[in-house]
Amino acid sequence: MSVTVGLKGRAETVVNESNTAQAACSGALPVFGTPFMCALMEEAAWKSIAPHLEASQSTVGTRLNVSHDSATPVGMKVWAESEVTEVDGKRLILTVAAFDERGPIGRGTHERFIVADERFLAKTARKLEG
């Protein structure tokens, strides 16, 4: 299996009280929170890539550069789309965009790296050692 340029993904949700700016402590208003928009973009990205990896591999997000251009009220459906635009060994670059039922709400780029699960987790666990 391999990841190729042009691979696309999508993730969606409905704005509710638990994914507002208020819930994320990123603002005072009851609208779709930017941290949740970013998470939806990452979800679209990793879920589209995962089926193309070996069973012992995953991807981790390392960079996200996005704008949140339009607010979305509670009750409205939102979704994110991703597309792989560059594959450089284990480094992947994707374009990401988010939408609500009225149109675009955000866009940007996202970088992910393919990692070996066991090695990555072992390296992370070493942070807990003396």
Protein backbone atom coordinates (compact mmCIF):
# COMPACT_ATOMS: atom_id res chain seq x y z
CA MET A 1 0.00 0.00 0.00
CA SER A 2 1.08 3.56 -0.54
CA VAL A 3 -0.11 7.12 -0.20
CA THR A 4 -0.37 9.04 -3.46
CA VAL A 5 -1.00 12.63 -4.52
CA GLY A 6 -4.70 13.22 -5.09
CA LEU A 7 -5.95 11.02 -2.26
CA LYS A 8 -9.05 12.72 -0.78
CA GLY A 9 -10.84 12.55 2.55
CA ARG A 10 -13.93 13.89 4.28
CA ALA A 11 -15.25 14.10 7.84
CA GLU A 12 -18.44 15.71 9.08
CA THR A 13 -20.35 16.60 12.21
CA VAL A 14 -23.14 18.84 13.43
CA VAL A 15 -22.38 21.90 15.54
CA ASN A 16 -23.66 21.36 19.08
CA GLU A 17 -22.93 22.72 22.55
CA SER A 18 -19.90 20.43 22.95
CA ASN A 19 -17.99 21.73 19.90
CA THR A 20 -18.49 25.46 20.23
CA ALA A 21 -15.86 28.09 20.92
CA GLN A 22 -17.31 28.30 24.44
CA ALA A 23 -16.75 24.56 25.00
CA ALA A 24 -13.15 24.79 23.76
CA CYS A 25 -12.46 27.87 25.90
CA SER A 26 -11.31 29.54 22.69
CA GLY A 27 -14.01 32.20 22.75
CA ALA A 28 -17.20 33.33 24.42
CA LEU A 29 -19.70 32.74 21.64
CA PRO A 30 -21.83 29.65 20.91
CA VAL A 31 -20.47 29.04 17.39
CA PHE A 32 -18.36 26.22 15.88
CA GLY A 33 -14.99 26.48 17.61
CA THR A 34 -11.78 26.84 15.64
CA PRO A 35 -10.08 23.98 17.56
CA PHE A 36 -12.93 21.69 16.51
CA MET A 37 -12.69 22.84 12.90
CA CYS A 38 -8.98 22.01 12.99
CA ALA A 39 -9.72 18.60 14.50
CA LEU A 40 -12.28 17.89 11.77
CA MET A 41 -9.69 18.79 9.12
CA GLU A 42 -7.18 16.42 10.74
CA GLU A 43 -9.82 13.69 10.93
CA ALA A 44 -10.53 13.99 7.20
CA ALA A 45 -6.79 13.79 6.52
CA TRP A 46 -5.78 10.84 8.70
CA LYS A 47 -8.85 8.74 7.91
CA SER A 48 -8.23 9.10 4.17
CA ILE A 49 -4.59 8.04 4.52
CA ALA A 50 -4.97 5.19 7.04
CA PRO A 51 -6.32 2.56 4.60
CA HIS A 52 -3.23 3.07 2.42
CA LEU A 53 -0.70 2.31 5.17
CA GLU A 54 0.74 -0.94 6.44
CA ALA A 55 -1.01 -2.40 9.50
CA SER A 56 1.88 -1.31 11.75
CA GLN A 57 1.85 2.32 10.56
CA SER A 58 -0.09 5.47 11.38
CA THR A 59 0.25 9.15 10.62
CA VAL A 60 0.75 12.00 13.06
CA GLY A 61 -0.07 15.63 12.44
CA THR A 62 2.90 17.97 12.74
CA ARG A 63 1.72 21.25 11.26
CA LEU A 64 -1.59 22.94 10.57
CA ASN A 65 -1.85 26.37 8.95
CA VAL A 66 -5.49 27.37 8.56
CA SER A 67 -7.85 30.29 8.54
CA HIS A 68 -11.33 30.20 10.05
CA ASP A 69 -13.23 32.59 7.82
CA SER A 70 -16.90 32.23 8.70
CA ALA A 71 -18.85 31.39 11.85
CA THR A 72 -21.30 28.48 12.00
CA PRO A 73 -24.21 28.38 14.46
CA VAL A 74 -25.30 25.47 16.64
CA GLY A 75 -27.48 23.04 14.72
CA MET A 76 -25.78 23.36 11.34
CA LYS A 77 -23.87 20.54 9.61
CA VAL A 78 -20.15 21.12 8.99
CA TRP A 79 -17.62 19.04 7.11
CA ALA A 80 -13.96 19.05 6.21
CA GLU A 81 -12.26 17.85 3.07
CA SER A 82 -8.61 16.99 2.55
CA GLU A 83 -6.43 16.21 -0.44
CA VAL A 84 -2.87 14.94 -0.50
CA THR A 85 -0.85 17.40 -2.59
CA GLU A 86 2.69 16.23 -1.87
CA VAL A 87 4.37 12.99 -0.83
CA ASP A 88 8.01 13.33 0.21
CA GLY A 89 9.01 9.99 1.70
CA LYS A 90 7.20 9.81 5.05
CA ARG A 91 6.21 13.50 4.92
CA LEU A 92 2.74 14.27 3.54
CA ILE A 93 1.26 17.67 2.68
CA LEU A 94 -2.47 18.10 2.31
CA THR A 95 -4.80 20.94 1.46
CA VAL A 96 -7.70 21.13 3.88
CA ALA A 97 -10.98 23.01 3.72
CA ALA A 98 -14.06 23.22 5.91
CA PHE A 99 -17.63 24.02 4.94
CA ASP A 100 -21.06 24.48 6.43
CA GLU A 101 -24.40 24.34 4.68
CA ARG A 102 -23.92 27.93 3.46
CA GLY A 103 -20.42 27.56 2.01
CA PRO A 104 -16.72 27.62 2.89
CA ILE A 105 -15.75 28.38 6.50
CA GLY A 106 -12.03 27.65 6.56
CA ARG A 107 -9.03 26.49 4.56
CA GLY A 108 -5.33 25.82 4.76
CA THR A 109 -2.58 23.23 4.65
CA HIS A 110 -1.73 20.30 6.87
CA GLU A 111 1.48 18.31 7.28
CA ARG A 112 1.52 14.70 8.51
CA PHE A 113 4.25 12.10 8.87
CA ILE A 114 3.97 8.36 8.45
CA VAL A 115 5.30 6.63 11.57
CA ALA A 116 5.92 3.07 12.70
CA ASP A 117 3.43 2.65 15.57
CA GLU A 118 5.60 0.61 17.92
CA ARG A 119 8.71 2.74 17.47
CA PHE A 120 6.75 5.99 17.85
CA LEU A 121 5.01 4.85 21.03
CA ALA A 122 8.26 3.52 22.52
CA LYS A 123 9.98 6.86 21.89
CA THR A 124 7.03 8.70 23.45
CA ALA A 125 7.00 6.42 26.51
CA ARG A 126 10.66 7.25 27.19
CA LYS A 127 9.51 10.70 28.27
CA LEU A 128 8.09 9.05 31.39
CA GLU A 129 11.40 7.51 32.38
CA GLY A 130 13.47 9.07 35.19
